[in-house]
């Protein structure tokens, strides 16, 4: 006898708590709701297809409570977080989130691609956005792909450091050893974009950002 069952794919594992989710957005929603707290690890164990923005809020917002978050591929294979997100939106939004590391590893077969395939000139279209005092975050050894085609002075891009600030700006973030380029054949107009104020008093400018050793193409 042959039997079969249909199980909704669980692609992201979050610990502590052994939470299992189909998308990064669902995992972030659970963290925002306080389902997982403390020192959190988010393992990408299969490819995800994102259909809406994955928003990670600051610890202390609502029920969210964490000290650090590590996001990484798992299982000794290439993994991807990808989707065609509504034009004008980021795919991954670090909304005041602090002390988050996204490490694509690129070792032992593990690697991580984060790709928004939406080709659009609409302001705000982006793959990853930092906003609202997102601080002390690191993206390392990842492929960050996008196809936003807006004018150079318009908000958006593969990685966008936004202007929304509360008290300090999006400070002390690092993008290191990443491949930053097009999603497929649709070339982005810019790979990294900084918007916002240049003020120093009261100090809400984005500052202390390190962009190092990346392949931008």
N, C-alpha and C. Protein backbone atom coordinates (compact mmCIF):
# COMPACT_ATOMS: atom_id res chain seq x y z
N UNK A 1 0.84 -1.19 0.00
CA UNK A 1 0.00 0.00 0.00
C UNK A 1 0.88 1.24 0.00
N UNK A 2 0.51 2.24 -0.79
CA UNK A 2 1.23 3.51 -0.86
C UNK A 2 0.34 4.58 -0.28
N UNK A 3 0.87 5.35 0.66
CA UNK A 3 0.13 6.47 1.22
C UNK A 3 0.90 7.74 0.98
N UNK A 4 0.19 8.85 0.92
CA UNK A 4 0.82 10.15 0.69
C UNK A 4 0.16 11.18 1.57
N UNK A 5 0.95 12.16 1.95
CA UNK A 5 0.39 13.26 2.75
C UNK A 5 0.96 14.56 2.25
N UNK A 6 0.22 15.62 2.46
CA UNK A 6 0.66 16.96 2.05
C UNK A 6 0.98 17.77 3.29
N UNK A 7 2.22 18.21 3.37
CA UNK A 7 2.66 18.98 4.54
C UNK A 7 3.12 20.35 4.06
N UNK A 8 2.59 21.40 4.65
CA UNK A 8 2.99 22.75 4.29
C UNK A 8 4.47 22.93 4.62
N UNK A 9 5.25 23.32 3.64
CA UNK A 9 6.71 23.39 3.80
C UNK A 9 7.08 24.29 4.96
N UNK A 10 7.98 23.79 5.79
CA UNK A 10 8.52 24.56 6.89
C UNK A 10 9.98 24.83 6.57
N UNK A 11 10.29 26.06 6.23
CA UNK A 11 11.59 26.40 5.66
C UNK A 11 12.50 27.15 6.60
N UNK A 12 11.96 27.65 7.69
CA UNK A 12 12.72 28.48 8.63
C UNK A 12 12.50 27.95 10.04
N UNK A 13 13.61 27.65 10.72
CA UNK A 13 13.53 27.15 12.10
C UNK A 13 14.08 28.23 13.03
N UNK A 14 13.31 28.56 14.06
CA UNK A 14 13.70 29.60 15.02
C UNK A 14 13.86 28.99 16.40
N UNK A 15 15.01 29.27 17.01
CA UNK A 15 15.28 28.83 18.38
C UNK A 15 15.72 30.02 19.22
N UNK A 16 15.48 30.00 20.55
CA UNK A 16 14.85 28.91 21.30
C UNK A 16 13.36 28.79 21.00
N UNK A 17 12.84 27.58 21.21
CA UNK A 17 11.43 27.33 21.00
C UNK A 17 11.12 26.43 19.84
N UNK A 18 12.12 26.14 19.01
CA UNK A 18 11.94 25.21 17.88
C UNK A 18 10.73 25.56 17.04
N UNK A 19 10.55 26.86 16.75
CA UNK A 19 9.47 27.28 15.88
C UNK A 19 9.79 26.97 14.43
N UNK A 20 8.79 26.56 13.68
CA UNK A 20 8.97 26.16 12.28
C UNK A 20 8.01 26.96 11.41
N UNK A 21 8.55 27.65 10.38
CA UNK A 21 7.76 28.59 9.60
C UNK A 21 8.04 28.45 8.11
N UNK A 22 7.04 28.77 7.26
CA UNK A 22 7.25 28.66 5.82
C UNK A 22 8.07 29.79 5.22
N UNK A 23 8.04 30.97 5.83
CA UNK A 23 8.73 32.12 5.26
C UNK A 23 9.47 32.89 6.35
N UNK A 24 10.40 33.75 5.92
CA UNK A 24 11.08 34.63 6.86
C UNK A 24 10.08 35.59 7.49
N UNK A 25 9.10 36.05 6.72
CA UNK A 25 8.08 36.94 7.29
C UNK A 25 7.36 36.28 8.45
N UNK A 26 6.97 35.03 8.29
CA UNK A 26 6.29 34.33 9.39
C UNK A 26 7.19 34.20 10.61
N UNK A 27 8.48 33.95 10.38
CA UNK A 27 9.42 33.85 11.49
C UNK A 27 9.56 35.19 12.21
N UNK A 28 9.69 36.27 11.43
CA UNK A 28 9.79 37.61 12.03
C UNK A 28 8.51 37.96 12.79
N UNK A 29 7.36 37.61 12.23
CA UNK A 29 6.10 37.90 12.91
C UNK A 29 6.07 37.22 14.28
N UNK A 30 6.58 35.99 14.35
CA UNK A 30 6.60 35.27 15.63
C UNK A 30 7.55 35.93 16.62
N UNK A 31 8.71 36.39 16.13
CA UNK A 31 9.64 37.10 17.01
C UNK A 31 9.02 38.40 17.50
N UNK A 32 8.36 39.13 16.60
CA UNK A 32 7.70 40.38 16.99
C UNK A 32 6.61 40.14 18.03
N UNK A 33 5.99 38.96 17.98
CA UNK A 33 4.91 38.63 18.91
C UNK A 33 5.42 38.09 20.24
N UNK A 34 6.76 37.93 20.37
CA UNK A 34 7.33 37.44 21.62
C UNK A 34 7.32 35.93 21.75
N UNK A 35 7.05 35.21 20.65
CA UNK A 35 7.07 33.75 20.70
C UNK A 35 8.47 33.22 20.97
N UNK A 36 9.47 33.91 20.43
CA UNK A 36 10.88 33.55 20.63
C UNK A 36 11.58 34.76 21.24
N UNK A 37 12.34 34.54 22.30
CA UNK A 37 12.97 35.65 23.01
C UNK A 37 14.42 35.32 23.34
N UNK A 38 15.15 36.35 23.76
CA UNK A 38 16.52 36.16 24.21
C UNK A 38 17.50 36.15 23.05
N UNK A 39 18.43 35.22 23.08
CA UNK A 39 19.42 35.04 22.03
C UNK A 39 18.83 34.10 20.98
N UNK A 40 18.51 34.63 19.82
CA UNK A 40 17.69 33.91 18.84
C UNK A 40 18.54 33.51 17.63
N UNK A 41 18.31 32.29 17.16
CA UNK A 41 18.91 31.81 15.92
C UNK A 41 17.80 31.49 14.92
N UNK A 42 17.94 32.02 13.71
CA UNK A 42 16.98 31.77 12.63
C UNK A 42 17.72 30.99 11.55
N UNK A 43 17.40 29.71 11.39
CA UNK A 43 18.05 28.85 10.40
C UNK A 43 17.17 28.73 9.17
N UNK A 44 17.76 29.05 8.00
CA UNK A 44 17.06 28.88 6.73
C UNK A 44 17.39 27.48 6.24
N UNK A 45 16.44 26.55 6.38
CA UNK A 45 16.70 25.14 6.08
C UNK A 45 16.21 24.74 4.69
N UNK A 46 15.37 25.56 4.08
CA UNK A 46 14.92 25.38 2.70
C UNK A 46 14.70 26.76 2.10
N UNK A 47 14.55 26.82 0.79
CA UNK A 47 14.28 28.09 0.13
C UNK A 47 12.91 28.62 0.55
N UNK A 48 12.82 29.94 0.73
CA UNK A 48 11.53 30.55 1.03
C UNK A 48 11.06 31.40 -0.14
N UNK A 49 9.76 31.50 -0.29
CA UNK A 49 9.16 32.41 -1.26
C UNK A 49 8.36 33.44 -0.48
N UNK A 50 8.87 34.65 -0.44
CA UNK A 50 8.23 35.72 0.32
C UNK A 50 7.19 36.41 -0.57
N UNK A 51 6.00 36.63 -0.03
CA UNK A 51 4.95 37.31 -0.77
C UNK A 51 4.61 38.68 -0.19
N UNK A 52 5.17 39.00 0.94
CA UNK A 52 4.98 40.30 1.58
C UNK A 52 6.23 40.63 2.39
N UNK A 53 6.38 41.89 2.78
CA UNK A 53 7.58 42.34 3.47
C UNK A 53 7.76 41.63 4.81
N UNK A 54 8.97 41.11 5.03
CA UNK A 54 9.33 40.52 6.32
C UNK A 54 9.87 41.64 7.20
N UNK A 55 9.09 42.06 8.18
CA UNK A 55 9.44 43.19 9.04
C UNK A 55 9.90 42.68 10.40
N UNK A 56 11.10 43.07 10.80
CA UNK A 56 11.61 42.75 12.14
C UNK A 56 11.66 44.04 12.93
N UNK A 57 10.87 44.11 14.00
CA UNK A 57 10.80 45.31 14.83
C UNK A 57 11.89 45.31 15.89
N UNK A 58 12.08 46.45 16.50
CA UNK A 58 13.03 46.58 17.59
C UNK A 58 12.59 45.77 18.79
N UNK A 59 13.56 45.20 19.50
CA UNK A 59 13.25 44.57 20.78
C UNK A 59 12.62 45.60 21.71
N UNK A 60 11.56 45.20 22.40
CA UNK A 60 10.85 46.13 23.27
C UNK A 60 9.66 46.77 22.60
N UNK A 61 9.50 46.57 21.30
CA UNK A 61 8.31 47.03 20.59
C UNK A 61 7.22 45.99 20.74
N UNK A 62 6.12 46.34 21.36
CA UNK A 62 5.09 45.35 21.63
C UNK A 62 5.63 44.24 22.52
N UNK A 63 5.45 43.00 22.10
CA UNK A 63 5.90 41.85 22.88
C UNK A 63 7.29 41.37 22.49
N UNK A 64 7.92 42.03 21.52
CA UNK A 64 9.23 41.61 21.05
C UNK A 64 10.28 41.77 22.15
N UNK A 65 11.11 40.73 22.33
CA UNK A 65 12.15 40.79 23.37
C UNK A 65 13.30 39.88 22.97
N UNK A 66 14.39 40.49 22.50
CA UNK A 66 15.56 39.70 22.13
C UNK A 66 16.83 40.51 22.40
N UNK A 67 17.93 39.79 22.57
CA UNK A 67 19.23 40.45 22.76
C UNK A 67 20.02 40.47 21.46
N UNK A 68 20.10 39.31 20.79
CA UNK A 68 20.73 39.22 19.48
C UNK A 68 19.93 38.25 18.62
N UNK A 69 20.07 38.41 17.29
CA UNK A 69 19.47 37.48 16.34
C UNK A 69 20.52 37.12 15.30
N UNK A 70 20.71 35.81 15.05
CA UNK A 70 21.58 35.31 13.99
C UNK A 70 20.73 34.62 12.96
N UNK A 71 20.82 35.09 11.70
CA UNK A 71 20.11 34.48 10.58
C UNK A 71 21.15 33.84 9.67
N UNK A 72 20.97 32.53 9.36
CA UNK A 72 21.99 31.83 8.59
C UNK A 72 21.37 30.66 7.83
N UNK A 73 22.01 30.24 6.72
CA UNK A 73 21.56 29.02 6.03
C UNK A 73 21.98 27.80 6.82
N UNK A 74 21.26 26.69 6.63
CA UNK A 74 21.55 25.48 7.39
C UNK A 74 21.32 24.27 6.50
N UNK A 75 22.08 23.20 6.77
CA UNK A 75 21.86 21.95 6.07
C UNK A 75 22.88 21.65 5.00
N UNK A 76 23.92 22.48 4.87
CA UNK A 76 24.98 22.20 3.92
C UNK A 76 24.58 22.38 2.48
N UNK A 77 23.74 23.38 2.19
CA UNK A 77 23.30 23.62 0.81
C UNK A 77 23.04 25.11 0.61
N UNK A 78 22.97 25.51 -0.65
CA UNK A 78 22.62 26.88 -0.98
C UNK A 78 21.14 27.12 -0.66
N UNK A 79 20.85 28.21 0.02
CA UNK A 79 19.48 28.57 0.36
C UNK A 79 19.17 29.96 -0.18
N UNK A 80 17.89 30.22 -0.41
CA UNK A 80 17.49 31.54 -0.89
C UNK A 80 16.25 32.02 -0.16
N UNK A 81 16.23 33.32 0.07
CA UNK A 81 15.04 34.04 0.54
C UNK A 81 14.68 34.97 -0.61
N UNK A 82 13.58 34.71 -1.29
CA UNK A 82 13.29 35.48 -2.50
C UNK A 82 11.80 35.70 -2.66
N UNK A 83 11.48 36.69 -3.50
CA UNK A 83 10.09 36.96 -3.80
C UNK A 83 9.95 38.15 -4.71
N UNK A 84 8.78 38.30 -5.28
CA UNK A 84 8.43 39.48 -6.08
C UNK A 84 7.50 40.33 -5.23
N UNK A 85 8.08 41.24 -4.47
CA UNK A 85 7.34 42.03 -3.48
C UNK A 85 6.69 43.23 -4.16
N UNK A 86 5.56 43.66 -3.64
CA UNK A 86 4.85 44.81 -4.20
C UNK A 86 5.78 46.00 -4.40
N UNK A 87 5.74 46.59 -5.59
CA UNK A 87 6.59 47.74 -5.89
C UNK A 87 6.40 48.83 -4.84
N UNK A 88 7.51 49.43 -4.44
CA UNK A 88 7.47 50.47 -3.42
C UNK A 88 7.75 49.95 -2.02
N UNK A 89 8.03 48.65 -1.90
CA UNK A 89 8.25 48.04 -0.59
C UNK A 89 9.58 47.30 -0.55
N UNK A 90 10.18 47.18 0.63
CA UNK A 90 11.35 46.29 0.79
C UNK A 90 10.88 44.86 0.94
N UNK A 91 11.76 43.91 0.69
CA UNK A 91 11.44 42.51 0.96
C UNK A 91 11.75 42.17 2.41
N UNK A 92 12.89 42.69 2.92
CA UNK A 92 13.28 42.50 4.32
C UNK A 92 13.45 43.88 4.94
N UNK A 93 12.78 44.12 6.05
CA UNK A 93 12.76 45.46 6.65
C UNK A 93 13.23 45.36 8.10
N UNK A 94 14.44 45.88 8.37
CA UNK A 94 14.92 45.96 9.74
C UNK A 94 14.42 47.28 10.33
N UNK A 95 13.26 47.21 10.97
CA UNK A 95 12.52 48.38 11.43
C UNK A 95 12.88 48.69 12.89
N UNK A 96 14.04 49.32 13.05
CA UNK A 96 14.51 49.59 14.40
C UNK A 96 15.22 48.42 15.04
N UNK A 97 15.38 47.34 14.30
CA UNK A 97 16.02 46.14 14.85
C UNK A 97 17.50 46.39 15.11
N UNK A 98 17.99 45.91 16.24
CA UNK A 98 19.39 46.06 16.64
C UNK A 98 20.02 44.68 16.85
N UNK A 99 21.35 44.63 16.66
CA UNK A 99 22.14 43.44 17.00
C UNK A 99 21.69 42.19 16.23
N UNK A 100 21.43 42.40 14.94
CA UNK A 100 21.06 41.30 14.05
C UNK A 100 22.24 41.02 13.11
N UNK A 101 22.61 39.76 12.97
CA UNK A 101 23.63 39.34 12.02
C UNK A 101 23.00 38.40 11.00
N UNK A 102 23.17 38.72 9.72
CA UNK A 102 22.78 37.82 8.64
C UNK A 102 24.08 37.30 8.04
N UNK A 103 24.36 36.02 8.25
CA UNK A 103 25.63 35.43 7.83
C UNK A 103 25.37 34.32 6.82
N UNK A 104 25.74 34.58 5.55
CA UNK A 104 25.55 33.59 4.51
C UNK A 104 26.53 32.44 4.57
N UNK A 105 27.50 32.53 5.47
CA UNK A 105 28.48 31.48 5.76
C UNK A 105 29.41 31.19 4.59
N UNK A 106 28.87 30.71 3.44
CA UNK A 106 29.70 30.31 2.30
C UNK A 106 30.79 29.33 2.73
N UNK A 107 30.39 28.37 3.53
CA UNK A 107 31.31 27.33 4.00
C UNK A 107 30.53 26.04 4.22
N UNK A 108 31.17 24.90 3.99
CA UNK A 108 30.51 23.62 4.19
C UNK A 108 29.30 23.42 3.31
N UNK A 109 29.26 24.10 2.17
CA UNK A 109 28.12 24.01 1.26
C UNK A 109 27.03 25.02 1.53
N UNK A 110 27.06 25.65 2.69
CA UNK A 110 26.03 26.63 3.04
C UNK A 110 26.28 27.96 2.35
N UNK A 111 25.23 28.54 1.79
CA UNK A 111 25.29 29.90 1.27
C UNK A 111 23.88 30.47 1.28
N UNK A 112 23.78 31.80 1.23
CA UNK A 112 22.47 32.44 1.34
C UNK A 112 22.34 33.57 0.32
N UNK A 113 21.26 33.52 -0.45
CA UNK A 113 20.90 34.59 -1.39
C UNK A 113 19.60 35.23 -0.93
N UNK A 114 19.58 36.56 -0.91
CA UNK A 114 18.38 37.32 -0.57
C UNK A 114 18.03 38.15 -1.79
N UNK A 115 16.89 37.89 -2.42
CA UNK A 115 16.60 38.45 -3.73
C UNK A 115 15.16 38.93 -3.85
N UNK A 116 14.99 40.22 -4.16
CA UNK A 116 13.69 40.77 -4.53
C UNK A 116 13.67 40.89 -6.05
N UNK A 117 12.85 40.10 -6.71
CA UNK A 117 12.85 40.05 -8.17
C UNK A 117 11.99 41.12 -8.82
N UNK A 118 11.34 41.98 -8.04
CA UNK A 118 10.48 43.02 -8.60
C UNK A 118 11.31 44.06 -9.34
N UNK A 119 11.03 44.23 -10.62
CA UNK A 119 11.68 45.26 -11.43
C UNK A 119 10.76 46.47 -11.49
N UNK A 120 11.12 47.53 -10.78
CA UNK A 120 10.24 48.68 -10.68
C UNK A 120 11.02 49.95 -10.38
N UNK A 121 10.53 51.07 -10.91
CA UNK A 121 11.12 52.37 -10.61
C UNK A 121 10.38 53.08 -9.48
N UNK A 122 9.43 52.41 -8.85
CA UNK A 122 8.66 53.01 -7.77
C UNK A 122 9.52 53.27 -6.55
N UNK A 123 9.42 54.46 -5.99
CA UNK A 123 10.18 54.82 -4.80
C UNK A 123 9.95 53.81 -3.68
N UNK A 124 11.03 53.39 -3.04
CA UNK A 124 10.95 52.47 -1.91
C UNK A 124 11.17 51.01 -2.25
N UNK A 125 11.17 50.68 -3.54
CA UNK A 125 11.42 49.29 -3.93
C UNK A 125 12.84 48.92 -3.53
N UNK A 126 12.98 47.84 -2.76
CA UNK A 126 14.30 47.48 -2.26
C UNK A 126 14.30 46.02 -1.81
N UNK A 127 15.49 45.47 -1.64
CA UNK A 127 15.62 44.11 -1.13
C UNK A 127 15.72 44.14 0.39
N UNK A 128 16.61 44.98 0.94
CA UNK A 128 16.75 45.12 2.39
C UNK A 128 16.72 46.60 2.74
N UNK A 129 15.92 46.95 3.73
CA UNK A 129 15.87 48.34 4.22
C UNK A 129 16.21 48.38 5.71
N UNK A 130 17.02 49.36 6.08
CA UNK A 130 17.27 49.69 7.48
C UNK A 130 16.57 51.01 7.77
N UNK A 131 15.76 51.07 8.83
CA UNK A 131 15.09 52.31 9.17
C UNK A 131 14.79 52.36 10.66
N UNK A 132 14.39 53.55 11.12
CA UNK A 132 13.92 53.78 12.49
C UNK A 132 14.95 53.35 13.53
N UNK A 133 16.20 53.84 13.36
CA UNK A 133 17.28 53.58 14.32
C UNK A 133 17.69 52.11 14.36
N UNK A 134 17.72 51.45 13.22
CA UNK A 134 18.29 50.09 13.16
C UNK A 134 19.80 50.20 13.35
N UNK A 135 20.33 49.56 14.39
CA UNK A 135 21.69 49.82 14.85
C UNK A 135 22.45 48.53 15.14
N UNK A 136 23.76 48.57 14.88
CA UNK A 136 24.67 47.46 15.22
C UNK A 136 24.27 46.15 14.53
N UNK A 137 23.92 46.25 13.25
CA UNK A 137 23.57 45.06 12.48
C UNK A 137 24.67 44.75 11.46
N UNK A 138 24.78 43.48 11.09
CA UNK A 138 25.80 43.04 10.13
C UNK A 138 25.19 42.11 9.11
N UNK A 139 25.50 42.37 7.84
CA UNK A 139 25.19 41.42 6.76
C UNK A 139 26.52 41.02 6.15
N UNK A 140 26.82 39.73 6.18
CA UNK A 140 28.13 39.26 5.75
C UNK A 140 27.99 37.97 4.94
N UNK A 141 28.80 37.86 3.89
CA UNK A 141 28.92 36.65 3.08
C UNK A 141 27.59 36.22 2.45
N UNK A 142 26.78 37.20 2.04
CA UNK A 142 25.51 36.92 1.38
C UNK A 142 25.51 37.44 -0.05
N UNK A 143 24.57 36.95 -0.86
CA UNK A 143 24.26 37.58 -2.14
C UNK A 143 22.97 38.37 -1.95
N UNK A 144 23.05 39.68 -2.20
CA UNK A 144 21.90 40.58 -2.05
C UNK A 144 21.53 41.08 -3.44
N UNK A 145 20.41 40.59 -3.97
CA UNK A 145 20.07 40.85 -5.37
C UNK A 145 18.77 41.66 -5.47
N UNK A 146 18.68 42.49 -6.49
CA UNK A 146 17.48 43.28 -6.71
C UNK A 146 17.45 43.86 -8.10
N UNK A 147 16.32 44.47 -8.46
CA UNK A 147 16.13 45.04 -9.80
C UNK A 147 15.38 46.35 -9.76
N UNK A 148 15.54 47.11 -8.66
CA UNK A 148 14.91 48.42 -8.57
C UNK A 148 15.56 49.39 -9.56
N UNK A 149 14.75 50.11 -10.30
CA UNK A 149 15.28 50.93 -11.41
C UNK A 149 14.99 52.42 -11.25
N UNK A 150 14.69 52.86 -10.03
CA UNK A 150 14.38 54.27 -9.82
C UNK A 150 15.61 55.16 -10.05
N UNK A 151 15.35 56.47 -10.20
CA UNK A 151 16.43 57.44 -10.39
C UNK A 151 17.36 57.43 -9.18
N UNK A 152 18.58 57.87 -9.40
CA UNK A 152 19.60 57.79 -8.35
C UNK A 152 19.21 58.49 -7.07
N UNK A 153 18.47 59.60 -7.16
CA UNK A 153 18.11 60.36 -5.97
C UNK A 153 16.78 59.93 -5.37
N UNK A 154 16.21 58.84 -5.86
CA UNK A 154 14.93 58.34 -5.37
C UNK A 154 15.16 57.17 -4.42
N UNK A 155 14.38 57.10 -3.36
CA UNK A 155 14.56 56.06 -2.34
C UNK A 155 14.45 54.65 -2.92
N UNK A 156 15.36 53.77 -2.50
CA UNK A 156 15.32 52.37 -2.89
C UNK A 156 16.68 51.85 -3.30
N UNK A 157 16.70 50.61 -3.77
CA UNK A 157 17.95 49.96 -4.16
C UNK A 157 18.04 48.59 -3.53
N UNK A 158 19.11 47.85 -3.85
CA UNK A 158 19.27 46.53 -3.23
C UNK A 158 19.30 46.65 -1.71
N UNK A 159 20.13 47.56 -1.21
CA UNK A 159 20.19 47.85 0.23
C UNK A 159 19.94 49.34 0.41
N UNK A 160 18.98 49.67 1.25
CA UNK A 160 18.58 51.06 1.44
C UNK A 160 18.64 51.40 2.92
N UNK A 161 19.51 52.34 3.25
CA UNK A 161 19.55 52.91 4.59
C UNK A 161 18.62 54.11 4.59
N UNK A 162 17.46 53.97 5.24
CA UNK A 162 16.39 54.95 5.12
C UNK A 162 16.56 56.15 6.03
N UNK A 163 15.60 57.05 5.88
CA UNK A 163 15.65 58.33 6.61
C UNK A 163 14.83 58.33 7.88
N UNK A 164 13.97 57.32 8.06
CA UNK A 164 13.14 57.30 9.27
C UNK A 164 14.01 57.09 10.49
N UNK A 165 14.03 58.07 11.38
CA UNK A 165 14.86 58.00 12.58
C UNK A 165 14.05 58.44 13.79
N UNK A 166 14.39 57.88 14.94
CA UNK A 166 13.72 58.24 16.20
C UNK A 166 14.64 59.13 17.03
N UNK A 167 15.82 58.63 17.35
CA UNK A 167 16.74 59.41 18.18
C UNK A 167 18.16 59.45 17.64
N UNK A 168 18.61 58.38 16.97
CA UNK A 168 20.03 58.30 16.62
C UNK A 168 20.30 58.13 15.13
N UNK A 169 19.35 57.62 14.36
CA UNK A 169 19.61 57.22 12.98
C UNK A 169 20.02 55.76 12.92
N UNK A 170 20.22 55.27 11.71
CA UNK A 170 20.62 53.87 11.50
C UNK A 170 22.15 53.80 11.58
N UNK A 171 22.66 53.54 12.76
CA UNK A 171 24.08 53.69 13.04
C UNK A 171 24.80 52.34 13.18
N UNK A 172 26.10 52.38 12.84
CA UNK A 172 27.02 51.28 13.14
C UNK A 172 26.56 49.95 12.54
N UNK A 173 26.13 50.01 11.28
CA UNK A 173 25.77 48.82 10.55
C UNK A 173 26.89 48.47 9.56
N UNK A 174 27.07 47.18 9.29
CA UNK A 174 28.16 46.72 8.42
C UNK A 174 27.62 45.83 7.31
N UNK A 175 28.06 46.10 6.08
CA UNK A 175 27.80 45.23 4.93
C UNK A 175 29.17 44.76 4.45
N UNK A 176 29.45 43.47 4.56
CA UNK A 176 30.80 42.98 4.31
C UNK A 176 30.79 41.68 3.51
N UNK A 177 31.69 41.61 2.54
CA UNK A 177 31.98 40.38 1.80
C UNK A 177 30.72 39.80 1.16
N UNK A 178 29.91 40.69 0.59
CA UNK A 178 28.67 40.28 -0.07
C UNK A 178 28.76 40.50 -1.58
N UNK A 179 28.01 39.73 -2.34
CA UNK A 179 27.77 39.98 -3.75
C UNK A 179 26.48 40.77 -3.87
N UNK A 180 26.56 41.96 -4.46
CA UNK A 180 25.40 42.86 -4.51
C UNK A 180 25.18 43.22 -5.97
N UNK A 181 24.10 42.72 -6.56
CA UNK A 181 23.90 42.93 -7.98
C UNK A 181 22.48 42.62 -8.42
N UNK A 182 22.28 42.30 -9.72
CA UNK A 182 20.93 42.16 -10.27
C UNK A 182 20.26 40.84 -9.92
N UNK A 183 18.93 40.90 -9.80
CA UNK A 183 18.12 39.69 -9.70
C UNK A 183 17.77 39.27 -11.13
N UNK A 184 18.45 38.26 -11.63
CA UNK A 184 18.25 37.86 -13.02
C UNK A 184 18.87 38.84 -13.98
N UNK A 185 18.16 39.12 -15.07
CA UNK A 185 18.70 39.99 -16.12
C UNK A 185 18.31 41.45 -15.95
N UNK A 186 17.48 41.75 -14.94
CA UNK A 186 17.02 43.13 -14.73
C UNK A 186 17.99 43.87 -13.82
N UNK A 187 18.73 44.80 -14.40
CA UNK A 187 19.78 45.49 -13.66
C UNK A 187 19.21 46.54 -12.72
N UNK A 188 19.70 46.60 -11.49
CA UNK A 188 19.29 47.67 -10.58
C UNK A 188 20.01 48.97 -10.94
N UNK A 189 19.37 50.09 -10.65
CA UNK A 189 20.02 51.39 -10.89
C UNK A 189 21.05 51.70 -9.81
N UNK A 190 20.93 51.08 -8.65
CA UNK A 190 21.90 51.30 -7.57
C UNK A 190 21.85 50.12 -6.61
N UNK A 191 22.99 49.78 -6.08
CA UNK A 191 23.07 48.62 -5.20
C UNK A 191 22.97 49.00 -3.73
N UNK A 192 23.48 50.16 -3.34
CA UNK A 192 23.37 50.63 -1.96
C UNK A 192 23.00 52.11 -2.00
N UNK A 193 22.00 52.48 -1.22
CA UNK A 193 21.54 53.87 -1.23
C UNK A 193 21.35 54.36 0.21
N UNK A 194 21.82 55.56 0.45
CA UNK A 194 21.66 56.20 1.76
C UNK A 194 20.76 57.43 1.59
N UNK A 195 19.71 57.51 2.37
CA UNK A 195 18.87 58.71 2.38
C UNK A 195 18.83 59.27 3.79
N UNK A 196 18.23 60.43 3.94
CA UNK A 196 18.08 60.99 5.28
C UNK A 196 18.85 62.27 5.46
N UNK A 197 18.89 62.71 6.69
CA UNK A 197 19.47 63.98 7.03
C UNK A 197 20.98 63.89 7.24
N UNK A 198 21.65 65.00 7.12
CA UNK A 198 23.08 65.05 7.43
C UNK A 198 23.33 65.77 8.75
N UNK A 199 22.27 65.96 9.54
CA UNK A 199 22.42 66.73 10.77
C UNK A 199 23.27 65.99 11.81
N UNK A 200 23.90 66.74 12.67
CA UNK A 200 24.67 66.15 13.77
C UNK A 200 24.10 66.52 15.13
N UNK A 201 23.09 67.36 15.17
CA UNK A 201 22.48 67.76 16.44
C UNK A 201 20.97 67.82 16.21
N UNK A 202 20.17 66.87 16.74
CA UNK A 202 20.49 65.95 17.83
C UNK A 202 21.13 64.63 17.41
N UNK A 203 21.58 64.51 16.18
CA UNK A 203 22.32 63.32 15.80
C UNK A 203 21.49 62.21 15.23
N UNK A 204 20.50 62.53 14.40
CA UNK A 204 19.66 61.49 13.81
C UNK A 204 20.15 61.06 12.43
N UNK A 205 21.33 61.50 12.03
CA UNK A 205 21.89 61.06 10.75
C UNK A 205 22.33 59.59 10.83
N UNK A 206 22.27 58.90 9.69
CA UNK A 206 22.87 57.57 9.61
C UNK A 206 24.39 57.72 9.71
N UNK A 207 25.03 57.02 10.62
CA UNK A 207 26.46 57.21 10.81
C UNK A 207 27.12 55.91 11.23
N UNK A 208 28.45 55.86 11.08
CA UNK A 208 29.21 54.69 11.49
C UNK A 208 28.93 53.47 10.64
N UNK A 209 28.49 53.66 9.40
CA UNK A 209 28.17 52.53 8.52
C UNK A 209 29.42 52.11 7.77
N UNK A 210 29.70 50.80 7.74
CA UNK A 210 30.88 50.26 7.10
C UNK A 210 30.46 49.40 5.90
N UNK A 211 30.96 49.75 4.72
CA UNK A 211 30.75 48.96 3.50
C UNK A 211 32.12 48.48 3.06
N UNK A 212 32.38 47.17 3.17
CA UNK A 212 33.76 46.71 2.97
C UNK A 212 33.81 45.36 2.25
N UNK A 213 34.76 45.27 1.31
CA UNK A 213 35.11 43.99 0.69
C UNK A 213 33.95 43.32 -0.04
N UNK A 214 33.06 44.14 -0.63
CA UNK A 214 31.91 43.60 -1.35
C UNK A 214 32.18 43.58 -2.87
N UNK A 215 31.52 42.67 -3.56
CA UNK A 215 31.50 42.64 -5.00
C UNK A 215 30.20 43.28 -5.47
N UNK A 216 30.29 44.52 -5.97
CA UNK A 216 29.11 45.28 -6.39
C UNK A 216 29.10 45.32 -7.90
N UNK A 217 28.01 44.79 -8.50
CA UNK A 217 28.05 44.57 -9.95
C UNK A 217 26.68 44.77 -10.56
